[in-house]
């Protein structure tokens, strides 16, 4: 029996990404298309919530999901905690939709212009082929994912410290975080209560550790 059939037999069809064994390009298509759907949902739902948002009632009473998260990051919020600009929310929603179109275009290109396995692709594309038994190649791929996640964490740090700050629920205002918590003992203590953050300083300090330790 062919080796690829043996490797396929070890996994049922529904077991995660097992159906993409030896189909490295189809694997990429599936994940890029999934990212496009996520971006589309985030952008479209942001615009939907903005369309039904009422300035006469608090966000938490309106059944909204995404707008409150944008508010906690300080987008469109004045120093006194009041919503002063919803245009930035519209822009963020539109950017996500544009990103969804770009990602969908990338998935379509891979699906129509390249073979299911990059091993049979032209030389420049073939170098991105991988086998699931190749720990080094998979480690390189997953490592790049972690790098981008760390950059996302550091972007939040930059927003908190240099670009407008974050909304502080305790003071009910948006403020710059000037002294993030860098005490490793304090950050380590959060392992048992990740969603019970006591201050913005601890929140930003945790993101600094998360972002910097992945490089």
N, C-alpha and C. Protein backbone atom coordinates (compact mmCIF):
# COMPACT_ATOMS: atom_id res chain seq x y z
N UNK A 1 0.85 -1.21 0.00
CA UNK A 1 0.00 0.00 0.00
C UNK A 1 0.88 1.25 0.00
N UNK A 2 0.47 2.25 -0.72
CA UNK A 2 1.24 3.49 -0.82
C UNK A 2 1.34 4.15 0.55
N UNK A 3 2.51 4.80 0.81
CA UNK A 3 2.76 5.39 2.13
C UNK A 3 1.74 6.46 2.48
N UNK A 4 1.31 7.25 1.47
CA UNK A 4 0.35 8.31 1.73
C UNK A 4 -0.98 7.74 2.18
N UNK A 5 -1.37 6.56 1.60
CA UNK A 5 -2.62 5.93 2.01
C UNK A 5 -2.54 5.43 3.45
N UNK A 6 -1.35 4.92 3.83
CA UNK A 6 -1.17 4.48 5.20
C UNK A 6 -1.32 5.63 6.18
N UNK A 7 -0.70 6.76 5.85
CA UNK A 7 -0.79 7.91 6.76
C UNK A 7 -2.21 8.42 6.84
N UNK A 8 -2.94 8.33 5.72
CA UNK A 8 -4.33 8.80 5.71
C UNK A 8 -5.21 7.88 6.56
N UNK A 9 -4.88 6.58 6.55
CA UNK A 9 -5.70 5.61 7.27
C UNK A 9 -5.65 5.80 8.78
N UNK A 10 -4.62 6.43 9.29
CA UNK A 10 -4.49 6.59 10.73
C UNK A 10 -5.48 7.59 11.29
N UNK A 11 -6.09 8.38 10.42
CA UNK A 11 -6.99 9.42 10.88
C UNK A 11 -8.35 9.30 10.18
N UNK A 12 -9.46 9.40 10.91
CA UNK A 12 -10.77 9.45 10.25
C UNK A 12 -10.92 10.77 9.51
N UNK A 13 -11.85 10.85 8.58
CA UNK A 13 -11.99 12.03 7.71
C UNK A 13 -12.30 13.29 8.49
N UNK A 14 -12.92 13.15 9.69
CA UNK A 14 -13.34 14.33 10.44
C UNK A 14 -12.30 14.79 11.45
N UNK A 15 -11.16 14.15 11.51
CA UNK A 15 -10.15 14.46 12.54
C UNK A 15 -9.32 15.67 12.13
N UNK A 16 -9.84 16.85 12.45
CA UNK A 16 -9.08 18.07 12.22
C UNK A 16 -8.67 18.25 10.77
N UNK A 17 -7.37 18.42 10.55
CA UNK A 17 -6.86 18.67 9.21
C UNK A 17 -6.35 17.41 8.53
N UNK A 18 -6.75 16.24 9.03
CA UNK A 18 -6.23 14.99 8.47
C UNK A 18 -6.55 14.84 6.99
N UNK A 19 -7.68 15.41 6.56
CA UNK A 19 -8.06 15.27 5.15
C UNK A 19 -7.08 15.98 4.22
N UNK A 20 -6.22 16.86 4.79
CA UNK A 20 -5.29 17.62 3.96
C UNK A 20 -3.89 17.01 3.93
N UNK A 21 -3.74 15.80 4.48
CA UNK A 21 -2.44 15.14 4.40
C UNK A 21 -2.05 14.99 2.93
N UNK A 22 -0.82 15.41 2.61
CA UNK A 22 -0.29 15.39 1.24
C UNK A 22 -1.01 16.36 0.31
N UNK A 23 -1.78 17.28 0.86
CA UNK A 23 -2.45 18.31 0.06
C UNK A 23 -2.09 19.69 0.64
N UNK A 24 -0.83 20.03 0.55
CA UNK A 24 -0.34 21.24 1.23
C UNK A 24 -1.00 22.51 0.70
N UNK A 25 -1.28 22.59 -0.58
CA UNK A 25 -1.92 23.80 -1.11
C UNK A 25 -3.39 23.88 -0.70
N UNK A 26 -4.09 22.74 -0.72
CA UNK A 26 -5.48 22.73 -0.27
C UNK A 26 -5.56 23.11 1.21
N UNK A 27 -4.58 22.71 1.98
CA UNK A 27 -4.49 23.10 3.39
C UNK A 27 -4.43 24.62 3.52
N UNK A 28 -3.60 25.26 2.68
CA UNK A 28 -3.49 26.71 2.70
C UNK A 28 -4.80 27.36 2.28
N UNK A 29 -5.41 26.83 1.22
CA UNK A 29 -6.69 27.37 0.74
C UNK A 29 -7.73 27.36 1.86
N UNK A 30 -7.84 26.25 2.56
CA UNK A 30 -8.86 26.12 3.61
C UNK A 30 -8.63 27.14 4.71
N UNK A 31 -7.39 27.33 5.12
CA UNK A 31 -7.12 28.23 6.24
C UNK A 31 -7.21 29.70 5.85
N UNK A 32 -6.79 30.02 4.64
CA UNK A 32 -6.93 31.42 4.20
C UNK A 32 -8.41 31.76 4.00
N UNK A 33 -9.18 30.82 3.45
CA UNK A 33 -10.62 31.04 3.30
C UNK A 33 -11.29 31.19 4.66
N UNK A 34 -10.86 30.40 5.64
CA UNK A 34 -11.42 30.53 6.98
C UNK A 34 -11.11 31.91 7.57
N UNK A 35 -9.88 32.38 7.37
CA UNK A 35 -9.52 33.71 7.84
C UNK A 35 -10.37 34.78 7.16
N UNK A 36 -10.66 34.58 5.88
CA UNK A 36 -11.51 35.54 5.16
C UNK A 36 -12.91 35.57 5.76
N UNK A 37 -13.46 34.41 6.10
CA UNK A 37 -14.79 34.36 6.70
C UNK A 37 -14.81 35.05 8.06
N UNK A 38 -13.75 34.85 8.84
CA UNK A 38 -13.68 35.50 10.15
C UNK A 38 -13.63 37.01 10.00
N UNK A 39 -12.80 37.49 9.07
CA UNK A 39 -12.71 38.92 8.82
C UNK A 39 -14.04 39.48 8.33
N UNK A 40 -14.70 38.73 7.44
CA UNK A 40 -15.99 39.18 6.92
C UNK A 40 -17.02 39.29 8.03
N UNK A 41 -17.06 38.28 8.91
CA UNK A 41 -18.01 38.34 10.02
C UNK A 41 -17.72 39.54 10.91
N UNK A 42 -16.45 39.73 11.28
CA UNK A 42 -16.09 40.83 12.17
C UNK A 42 -16.46 42.17 11.56
N UNK A 43 -16.14 42.36 10.28
CA UNK A 43 -16.44 43.63 9.63
C UNK A 43 -17.93 43.86 9.45
N UNK A 44 -18.63 42.85 8.93
CA UNK A 44 -20.07 43.00 8.66
C UNK A 44 -20.85 43.18 9.96
N UNK A 45 -20.48 42.44 11.00
CA UNK A 45 -21.22 42.53 12.25
C UNK A 45 -20.94 43.85 12.96
N UNK A 46 -19.72 44.38 12.78
CA UNK A 46 -19.43 45.71 13.33
C UNK A 46 -20.34 46.75 12.69
N UNK A 47 -20.47 46.69 11.37
CA UNK A 47 -21.33 47.65 10.67
C UNK A 47 -22.80 47.44 11.04
N UNK A 48 -23.21 46.18 11.22
CA UNK A 48 -24.59 45.92 11.64
C UNK A 48 -24.87 46.51 13.02
N UNK A 49 -23.95 46.27 13.95
CA UNK A 49 -24.15 46.81 15.29
C UNK A 49 -24.16 48.33 15.27
N UNK A 50 -23.31 48.92 14.43
CA UNK A 50 -23.29 50.37 14.32
C UNK A 50 -24.62 50.89 13.77
N UNK A 51 -25.25 50.12 12.88
CA UNK A 51 -26.52 50.55 12.29
C UNK A 51 -27.66 50.54 13.31
N UNK A 52 -27.58 49.63 14.29
CA UNK A 52 -28.66 49.54 15.28
C UNK A 52 -28.29 50.21 16.60
N UNK A 53 -27.08 50.73 16.69
CA UNK A 53 -26.62 51.38 17.93
C UNK A 53 -27.42 52.64 18.22
N UNK A 54 -27.78 52.82 19.47
CA UNK A 54 -28.49 54.02 19.91
C UNK A 54 -27.62 54.81 20.89
N UNK A 55 -27.35 56.08 20.61
CA UNK A 55 -26.53 56.88 21.53
C UNK A 55 -27.25 57.23 22.83
N UNK A 56 -28.53 56.91 22.89
CA UNK A 56 -29.32 57.27 24.07
C UNK A 56 -29.31 56.21 25.17
N UNK A 57 -28.62 55.09 24.94
CA UNK A 57 -28.59 54.02 25.93
C UNK A 57 -27.17 53.46 26.04
N UNK A 58 -26.78 52.95 27.22
CA UNK A 58 -25.45 52.35 27.38
C UNK A 58 -25.27 51.16 26.45
N UNK A 59 -24.02 50.93 26.05
CA UNK A 59 -23.74 49.83 25.14
C UNK A 59 -24.17 48.49 25.71
N UNK A 60 -23.97 48.30 27.02
CA UNK A 60 -24.24 46.99 27.60
C UNK A 60 -25.73 46.66 27.66
N UNK A 61 -26.59 47.63 27.41
CA UNK A 61 -28.03 47.37 27.43
C UNK A 61 -28.58 47.09 26.03
N UNK A 62 -27.73 47.16 25.01
CA UNK A 62 -28.22 47.07 23.64
C UNK A 62 -27.92 45.73 22.97
N UNK A 63 -27.43 44.78 23.74
CA UNK A 63 -27.16 43.45 23.17
C UNK A 63 -26.04 43.44 22.15
N UNK A 64 -25.11 44.37 22.26
CA UNK A 64 -24.00 44.47 21.30
C UNK A 64 -22.83 43.60 21.74
N UNK A 65 -22.06 43.15 20.76
CA UNK A 65 -20.91 42.27 21.05
C UNK A 65 -19.59 42.97 20.72
N UNK A 66 -19.49 43.50 19.52
CA UNK A 66 -18.21 44.01 19.03
C UNK A 66 -17.95 45.47 19.42
N UNK A 67 -18.98 46.30 19.37
CA UNK A 67 -18.77 47.71 19.71
C UNK A 67 -18.25 47.90 21.13
N UNK A 68 -18.76 47.16 22.13
CA UNK A 68 -18.18 47.31 23.47
C UNK A 68 -16.69 46.96 23.52
N UNK A 69 -16.26 45.97 22.72
CA UNK A 69 -14.85 45.63 22.69
C UNK A 69 -14.02 46.75 22.07
N UNK A 70 -14.54 47.37 21.02
CA UNK A 70 -13.83 48.51 20.43
C UNK A 70 -13.75 49.66 21.43
N UNK A 71 -14.82 49.83 22.21
CA UNK A 71 -14.83 50.91 23.20
C UNK A 71 -13.79 50.67 24.29
N UNK A 72 -13.66 49.42 24.73
CA UNK A 72 -12.68 49.14 25.79
C UNK A 72 -11.26 49.38 25.32
N UNK A 73 -11.02 49.31 24.02
CA UNK A 73 -9.70 49.62 23.49
C UNK A 73 -9.50 51.11 23.26
N UNK A 74 -10.52 51.90 23.61
CA UNK A 74 -10.38 53.35 23.53
C UNK A 74 -10.76 53.95 22.20
N UNK A 75 -11.21 53.13 21.24
CA UNK A 75 -11.58 53.67 19.93
C UNK A 75 -12.90 54.43 20.02
N UNK A 76 -12.86 55.70 19.64
CA UNK A 76 -14.07 56.52 19.61
C UNK A 76 -14.53 57.01 20.97
N UNK A 77 -13.72 56.81 22.01
CA UNK A 77 -14.10 57.17 23.36
C UNK A 77 -13.29 58.39 23.81
N UNK A 78 -13.98 59.37 24.42
CA UNK A 78 -13.31 60.55 24.94
C UNK A 78 -12.64 60.27 26.28
N UNK A 79 -11.89 61.24 26.78
CA UNK A 79 -11.16 61.05 28.03
C UNK A 79 -12.09 60.82 29.22
N UNK A 80 -13.34 61.28 29.11
CA UNK A 80 -14.29 61.11 30.20
C UNK A 80 -15.12 59.84 30.08
N UNK A 81 -14.78 58.99 29.11
CA UNK A 81 -15.49 57.73 28.94
C UNK A 81 -16.71 57.80 28.05
N UNK A 82 -17.04 59.00 27.54
CA UNK A 82 -18.21 59.16 26.67
C UNK A 82 -17.84 58.80 25.23
N UNK A 83 -18.81 58.25 24.49
CA UNK A 83 -18.60 57.95 23.07
C UNK A 83 -18.66 59.25 22.28
N UNK A 84 -17.57 59.60 21.63
CA UNK A 84 -17.49 60.88 20.93
C UNK A 84 -17.34 60.73 19.42
N UNK A 85 -17.02 59.52 18.94
CA UNK A 85 -16.76 59.36 17.50
C UNK A 85 -17.07 57.93 17.08
N UNK A 86 -18.13 57.75 16.32
CA UNK A 86 -18.46 56.41 15.81
C UNK A 86 -17.91 56.18 14.40
N UNK A 87 -17.34 57.23 13.80
CA UNK A 87 -16.77 57.07 12.46
C UNK A 87 -15.61 56.07 12.48
N UNK A 88 -14.84 56.07 13.58
CA UNK A 88 -13.72 55.14 13.66
C UNK A 88 -14.22 53.70 13.70
N UNK A 89 -15.39 53.47 14.31
CA UNK A 89 -15.97 52.12 14.32
C UNK A 89 -16.34 51.70 12.90
N UNK A 90 -16.90 52.63 12.13
CA UNK A 90 -17.24 52.33 10.74
C UNK A 90 -15.96 51.99 9.96
N UNK A 91 -14.91 52.76 10.17
CA UNK A 91 -13.65 52.53 9.45
C UNK A 91 -13.08 51.15 9.79
N UNK A 92 -13.12 50.78 11.07
CA UNK A 92 -12.60 49.47 11.48
C UNK A 92 -13.40 48.35 10.83
N UNK A 93 -14.73 48.49 10.79
CA UNK A 93 -15.56 47.49 10.12
C UNK A 93 -15.23 47.38 8.65
N UNK A 94 -15.07 48.53 7.99
CA UNK A 94 -14.76 48.54 6.55
C UNK A 94 -13.40 47.91 6.28
N UNK A 95 -12.41 48.20 7.13
CA UNK A 95 -11.07 47.62 6.96
C UNK A 95 -11.13 46.10 7.04
N UNK A 96 -11.93 45.58 7.96
CA UNK A 96 -12.06 44.13 8.07
C UNK A 96 -12.70 43.52 6.82
N UNK A 97 -13.67 44.20 6.26
CA UNK A 97 -14.31 43.69 5.05
C UNK A 97 -13.34 43.70 3.87
N UNK A 98 -12.56 44.77 3.75
CA UNK A 98 -11.55 44.83 2.69
C UNK A 98 -10.53 43.71 2.87
N UNK A 99 -10.11 43.49 4.13
CA UNK A 99 -9.16 42.41 4.41
C UNK A 99 -9.76 41.06 4.03
N UNK A 100 -11.06 40.89 4.26
CA UNK A 100 -11.74 39.64 3.90
C UNK A 100 -11.69 39.41 2.40
N UNK A 101 -11.90 40.47 1.63
CA UNK A 101 -11.85 40.36 0.16
C UNK A 101 -10.44 39.97 -0.29
N UNK A 102 -9.43 40.59 0.30
CA UNK A 102 -8.04 40.27 -0.07
C UNK A 102 -7.72 38.81 0.25
N UNK A 103 -8.11 38.36 1.44
CA UNK A 103 -7.85 36.98 1.82
C UNK A 103 -8.62 36.01 0.93
N UNK A 104 -9.86 36.33 0.60
CA UNK A 104 -10.65 35.47 -0.28
C UNK A 104 -9.99 35.40 -1.66
N UNK A 105 -9.46 36.52 -2.12
CA UNK A 105 -8.76 36.52 -3.40
C UNK A 105 -7.52 35.63 -3.36
N UNK A 106 -6.81 35.66 -2.22
CA UNK A 106 -5.64 34.79 -2.07
C UNK A 106 -6.03 33.32 -2.08
N UNK A 107 -7.12 32.99 -1.39
CA UNK A 107 -7.59 31.60 -1.38
C UNK A 107 -8.01 31.16 -2.78
N UNK A 108 -8.69 32.04 -3.50
CA UNK A 108 -9.15 31.71 -4.86
C UNK A 108 -7.95 31.50 -5.79
N UNK A 109 -6.94 32.34 -5.64
CA UNK A 109 -5.74 32.20 -6.46
C UNK A 109 -5.07 30.85 -6.21
N UNK A 110 -4.89 30.50 -4.94
CA UNK A 110 -4.26 29.22 -4.62
C UNK A 110 -5.08 28.06 -5.16
N UNK A 111 -6.41 28.16 -5.07
CA UNK A 111 -7.27 27.06 -5.49
C UNK A 111 -7.27 26.87 -7.00
N UNK A 112 -7.20 27.98 -7.74
CA UNK A 112 -7.34 27.90 -9.19
C UNK A 112 -6.01 27.85 -9.93
N UNK A 113 -4.94 28.37 -9.35
CA UNK A 113 -3.69 28.51 -10.07
C UNK A 113 -2.61 27.54 -9.65
N UNK A 114 -2.82 26.82 -8.54
CA UNK A 114 -1.79 25.91 -8.06
C UNK A 114 -2.39 24.53 -7.84
N UNK A 115 -1.57 23.48 -7.94
CA UNK A 115 -2.07 22.11 -7.74
C UNK A 115 -2.39 21.87 -6.26
N UNK A 116 -3.18 20.83 -5.97
CA UNK A 116 -3.53 20.55 -4.57
C UNK A 116 -2.32 20.37 -3.66
N UNK A 117 -1.25 19.81 -4.18
CA UNK A 117 -0.01 19.67 -3.42
C UNK A 117 1.05 20.60 -4.01
N UNK A 118 1.68 21.40 -3.15
CA UNK A 118 2.71 22.32 -3.64
C UNK A 118 3.97 21.60 -4.09
N UNK A 119 4.06 20.32 -3.79
CA UNK A 119 5.21 19.55 -4.26
C UNK A 119 5.25 19.51 -5.78
N UNK A 120 4.08 19.62 -6.41
CA UNK A 120 4.00 19.60 -7.88
C UNK A 120 3.91 21.00 -8.46
N UNK A 121 4.07 22.02 -7.64
CA UNK A 121 3.96 23.41 -8.09
C UNK A 121 5.28 23.90 -8.66
N UNK A 122 5.27 25.05 -9.37
CA UNK A 122 6.53 25.63 -9.82
C UNK A 122 7.50 25.84 -8.66
N UNK A 123 8.76 26.01 -8.98
CA UNK A 123 9.82 25.99 -7.97
C UNK A 123 9.60 26.98 -6.84
N UNK A 124 9.22 28.22 -7.15
CA UNK A 124 9.07 29.22 -6.11
C UNK A 124 7.97 28.86 -5.13
N UNK A 125 6.90 28.22 -5.63
CA UNK A 125 5.81 27.80 -4.75
C UNK A 125 6.11 26.48 -4.07
N UNK A 126 6.89 25.63 -4.73
CA UNK A 126 7.17 24.30 -4.19
C UNK A 126 7.93 24.35 -2.87
N UNK A 127 8.68 25.44 -2.66
CA UNK A 127 9.46 25.51 -1.42
C UNK A 127 8.56 25.64 -0.18
N UNK A 128 7.26 25.93 -0.40
CA UNK A 128 6.33 26.04 0.72
C UNK A 128 5.58 24.73 0.96
N UNK A 129 5.93 23.70 0.21
CA UNK A 129 5.32 22.40 0.45
C UNK A 129 5.83 21.85 1.78
N UNK A 130 5.01 21.04 2.44
CA UNK A 130 5.43 20.46 3.72
C UNK A 130 4.78 19.09 3.88
N UNK A 131 5.40 18.29 4.73
CA UNK A 131 4.86 16.99 5.10
C UNK A 131 4.63 16.99 6.61
N UNK A 132 3.59 16.32 7.02
CA UNK A 132 3.23 16.34 8.43
C UNK A 132 4.26 15.64 9.30
N UNK A 133 5.08 14.79 8.69
CA UNK A 133 6.13 14.11 9.45
C UNK A 133 7.38 14.98 9.59
N UNK A 134 7.42 16.11 8.91
CA UNK A 134 8.58 16.99 8.94
C UNK A 134 8.43 17.99 10.08
N UNK A 135 8.93 17.63 11.25
CA UNK A 135 8.76 18.47 12.44
C UNK A 135 9.41 19.85 12.26
N UNK A 136 10.53 19.88 11.57
CA UNK A 136 11.21 21.16 11.38
C UNK A 136 10.40 22.13 10.55
N UNK A 137 9.83 21.65 9.45
CA UNK A 137 9.04 22.51 8.58
C UNK A 137 7.76 22.96 9.28
N UNK A 138 7.09 22.03 9.97
CA UNK A 138 5.88 22.40 10.69
C UNK A 138 6.19 23.38 11.81
N UNK A 139 7.33 23.19 12.46
CA UNK A 139 7.74 24.12 13.51
C UNK A 139 7.97 25.52 12.95
N UNK A 140 8.55 25.58 11.74
CA UNK A 140 8.76 26.88 11.10
C UNK A 140 7.43 27.57 10.80
N UNK A 141 6.46 26.79 10.30
CA UNK A 141 5.14 27.35 9.97
C UNK A 141 4.44 27.84 11.23
N UNK A 142 4.38 26.99 12.26
CA UNK A 142 3.72 27.38 13.50
C UNK A 142 4.46 28.51 14.19
N UNK A 143 5.78 28.52 14.04
CA UNK A 143 6.57 29.61 14.63
C UNK A 143 6.20 30.96 14.04
N UNK A 144 5.95 31.00 12.74
CA UNK A 144 5.53 32.26 12.12
C UNK A 144 4.15 32.69 12.64
N UNK A 145 3.27 31.72 12.89
CA UNK A 145 1.98 32.06 13.49
C UNK A 145 2.18 32.74 14.84
N UNK A 146 3.08 32.20 15.65
CA UNK A 146 3.33 32.75 16.98
C UNK A 146 3.95 34.14 16.89
N UNK A 147 4.77 34.36 15.89
CA UNK A 147 5.37 35.69 15.71
C UNK A 147 4.29 36.73 15.44
N UNK A 148 3.35 36.39 14.58
CA UNK A 148 2.27 37.33 14.28
C UNK A 148 1.37 37.55 15.49
N UNK A 149 1.15 36.50 16.28
CA UNK A 149 0.37 36.67 17.51
C UNK A 149 1.10 37.58 18.48
N UNK A 150 2.41 37.44 18.56
CA UNK A 150 3.18 38.30 19.46
C UNK A 150 3.16 39.74 18.99
N UNK A 151 3.19 39.95 17.69
CA UNK A 151 3.09 41.31 17.16
C UNK A 151 1.74 41.93 17.50
N UNK A 152 0.68 41.11 17.44
CA UNK A 152 -0.65 41.60 17.83
C UNK A 152 -0.67 42.03 19.28
N UNK A 153 -0.03 41.25 20.16
CA UNK A 153 0.03 41.60 21.57
C UNK A 153 0.78 42.91 21.77
N UNK A 154 1.87 43.08 21.04
CA UNK A 154 2.67 44.31 21.19
C UNK A 154 1.95 45.51 20.58
N UNK A 155 1.10 45.28 19.59
CA UNK A 155 0.30 46.38 19.05
C UNK A 155 -0.66 46.92 20.11
N UNK A 156 -1.23 46.01 20.91
CA UNK A 156 -2.10 46.47 22.00
C UNK A 156 -1.30 47.28 23.01
N UNK A 157 -0.06 46.84 23.28
CA UNK A 157 0.81 47.58 24.19
C UNK A 157 1.07 48.98 23.64
N UNK A 158 1.36 49.08 22.35
CA UNK A 158 1.60 50.38 21.73
C UNK A 158 0.37 51.27 21.82
N UNK A 159 -0.81 50.67 21.57
CA UNK A 159 -2.06 51.44 21.68
C UNK A 159 -2.24 51.97 23.10
N UNK A 160 -1.94 51.13 24.09
CA UNK A 160 -2.14 51.51 25.49
C UNK A 160 -1.15 52.59 25.93
N UNK A 161 0.08 52.54 25.43
CA UNK A 161 1.11 53.43 25.94
C UNK A 161 1.36 54.67 25.07
N UNK A 162 1.06 54.58 23.79
CA UNK A 162 1.46 55.67 22.91
C UNK A 162 0.35 56.21 22.01
N UNK A 163 -0.70 55.46 21.77
CA UNK A 163 -1.69 55.86 20.78
C UNK A 163 -3.10 55.92 21.36
N UNK A 164 -3.29 56.77 22.32
CA UNK A 164 -4.64 57.03 22.83
C UNK A 164 -5.02 56.35 24.11
N UNK A 165 -4.34 55.24 24.46
CA UNK A 165 -4.66 54.56 25.70
C UNK A 165 -5.82 53.59 25.60
N UNK A 166 -6.23 53.05 26.74
CA UNK A 166 -7.32 52.09 26.84
C UNK A 166 -8.37 52.60 27.82
N UNK A 167 -9.56 52.06 27.70
CA UNK A 167 -10.63 52.44 28.63
C UNK A 167 -10.43 51.72 29.95
N UNK A 168 -10.43 52.49 31.04
CA UNK A 168 -10.26 51.95 32.37
C UNK A 168 -11.63 51.90 33.05
N UNK A 169 -12.14 50.69 33.27
CA UNK A 169 -13.47 50.55 33.85
C UNK A 169 -13.53 51.07 35.29
N UNK A 170 -12.40 51.08 35.98
CA UNK A 170 -12.40 51.54 37.37
C UNK A 170 -12.55 53.06 37.46
N UNK A 171 -11.90 53.77 36.56
CA UNK A 171 -12.00 55.23 36.57
C UNK A 171 -13.03 55.75 35.58
N UNK A 172 -13.59 54.82 34.75
CA UNK A 172 -14.57 55.16 33.73
C UNK A 172 -14.05 56.25 32.79
N UNK A 173 -12.81 56.07 32.35
CA UNK A 173 -12.18 57.04 31.45
C UNK A 173 -11.12 56.32 30.62
N UNK A 174 -10.72 56.95 29.54
CA UNK A 174 -9.64 56.43 28.71
C UNK A 174 -8.34 57.07 29.18
N UNK A 175 -7.33 56.26 29.40
CA UNK A 175 -6.07 56.81 29.88
C UNK A 175 -4.88 56.07 29.29
N UNK A 176 -3.76 56.78 29.23
CA UNK A 176 -2.49 56.19 28.79
C UNK A 176 -1.91 55.36 29.93
N UNK A 177 -1.41 54.20 29.60
CA UNK A 177 -0.77 53.35 30.61
C UNK A 177 0.73 53.64 30.58
N UNK A 178 1.20 54.35 31.58
CA UNK A 178 2.60 54.80 31.60
C UNK A 178 3.53 53.85 32.33
N UNK A 179 2.99 53.03 33.24
CA UNK A 179 3.84 52.16 34.05
C UNK A 179 3.29 50.73 34.07
N UNK A 180 3.42 50.00 32.96
CA UNK A 180 2.91 48.63 32.93
C UNK A 180 3.60 47.74 33.94
N UNK A 181 2.89 46.77 34.45
CA UNK A 181 3.45 45.84 35.44
C UNK A 181 4.44 44.90 34.77
N UNK A 182 5.68 44.94 35.25
CA UNK A 182 6.72 44.08 34.70
C UNK A 182 7.24 43.08 35.73
N UNK A 183 6.61 43.05 36.90
CA UNK A 183 6.98 42.09 37.93
C UNK A 183 6.50 40.70 37.50
N UNK A 184 7.43 39.77 37.23
CA UNK A 184 7.00 38.45 36.73
C UNK A 184 6.12 37.70 37.72
N UNK A 185 6.30 37.93 39.02
CA UNK A 185 5.48 37.24 40.01
C UNK A 185 4.02 37.66 39.89
N UNK A 186 3.78 38.94 39.66
CA UNK A 186 2.41 39.44 39.52
C UNK A 186 1.77 38.85 38.26
N UNK A 187 2.51 38.86 37.16
CA UNK A 187 1.98 38.32 35.91
C UNK A 187 1.73 36.82 36.04
N UNK A 188 2.64 36.10 36.67
CA UNK A 188 2.50 34.65 36.82
C UNK A 188 1.28 34.29 37.65
N UNK A 189 0.94 35.14 38.60
CA UNK A 189 -0.20 34.87 39.47
C UNK A 189 -1.51 34.80 38.70
N UNK A 190 -1.56 35.43 37.52
CA UNK A 190 -2.79 35.46 36.73
C UNK A 190 -3.09 34.11 36.07
N UNK A 191 -2.19 33.16 36.17
CA UNK A 191 -2.43 31.86 35.52
C UNK A 191 -3.66 31.16 36.07
N UNK A 192 -4.07 31.52 37.29
CA UNK A 192 -5.24 30.89 37.91
C UNK A 192 -6.51 31.73 37.76
N UNK A 193 -6.38 32.96 37.26
CA UNK A 193 -7.57 33.81 37.08
C UNK A 193 -7.33 34.78 35.93
N UNK A 194 -7.24 34.21 34.72
CA UNK A 194 -6.84 34.99 33.55
C UNK A 194 -7.80 36.13 33.24
N UNK A 195 -9.08 35.96 33.57
CA UNK A 195 -10.07 36.95 33.17
C UNK A 195 -10.47 37.88 34.32
N UNK A 196 -9.67 37.88 35.36
CA UNK A 196 -9.93 38.74 36.52
C UNK A 196 -8.77 39.72 36.66
N UNK A 197 -8.63 40.59 35.66
CA UNK A 197 -7.51 41.53 35.65
C UNK A 197 -7.81 42.70 36.59
N UNK A 198 -6.85 43.01 37.45
CA UNK A 198 -7.08 44.02 38.48
C UNK A 198 -6.78 45.44 38.02
N UNK A 199 -5.97 45.59 36.98
CA UNK A 199 -5.62 46.94 36.53
C UNK A 199 -5.15 46.90 35.09
N UNK A 200 -5.20 48.04 34.42
CA UNK A 200 -4.68 48.13 33.06
C UNK A 200 -3.17 47.89 33.04
N UNK A 201 -2.49 48.30 34.12
CA UNK A 201 -1.05 48.08 34.19
C UNK A 201 -0.72 46.59 34.10
N UNK A 202 -1.49 45.77 34.83
CA UNK A 202 -1.28 44.32 34.77
C UNK A 202 -1.62 43.77 33.38
N UNK A 203 -2.69 44.28 32.80
CA UNK A 203 -3.10 43.83 31.47
C UNK A 203 -2.01 44.10 30.43
N UNK A 204 -1.49 45.32 30.43
CA UNK A 204 -0.46 45.70 29.46
C UNK A 204 0.84 44.95 29.74
N UNK A 205 1.17 44.80 31.02
CA UNK A 205 2.38 44.04 31.36
C UNK A 205 2.31 42.61 30.88
N UNK A 206 1.14 41.99 31.01
CA UNK A 206 0.97 40.62 30.52
C UNK A 206 1.16 40.53 29.02
N UNK A 207 0.65 41.53 28.30
CA UNK A 207 0.82 41.54 26.84
C UNK A 207 2.29 41.78 26.46
N UNK A 208 3.00 42.54 27.26
CA UNK A 208 4.44 42.73 26.99
C UNK A 208 5.18 41.40 27.11
N UNK A 209 4.89 40.65 28.18
CA UNK A 209 5.53 39.35 28.33
C UNK A 209 5.12 38.40 27.22
N UNK A 210 3.81 38.37 26.89
CA UNK A 210 3.34 37.47 25.84
C UNK A 210 3.98 37.80 24.50
N UNK A 211 4.11 39.09 24.21
CA UNK A 211 4.67 39.49 22.94
C UNK A 211 6.16 39.29 22.83
N UNK A 212 6.89 39.63 23.89
CA UNK A 212 8.35 39.61 23.81
C UNK A 212 8.93 38.20 23.94
N UNK A 213 8.29 37.31 24.67
CA UNK A 213 8.86 36.00 24.89
C UNK A 213 8.72 35.07 23.70
N UNK A 214 7.92 35.45 22.70
CA UNK A 214 7.74 34.60 21.53
C UNK A 214 8.80 34.85 20.47
N UNK A 215 9.61 35.90 20.66
CA UNK A 215 10.64 36.18 19.66
C UNK A 215 11.90 35.40 19.97
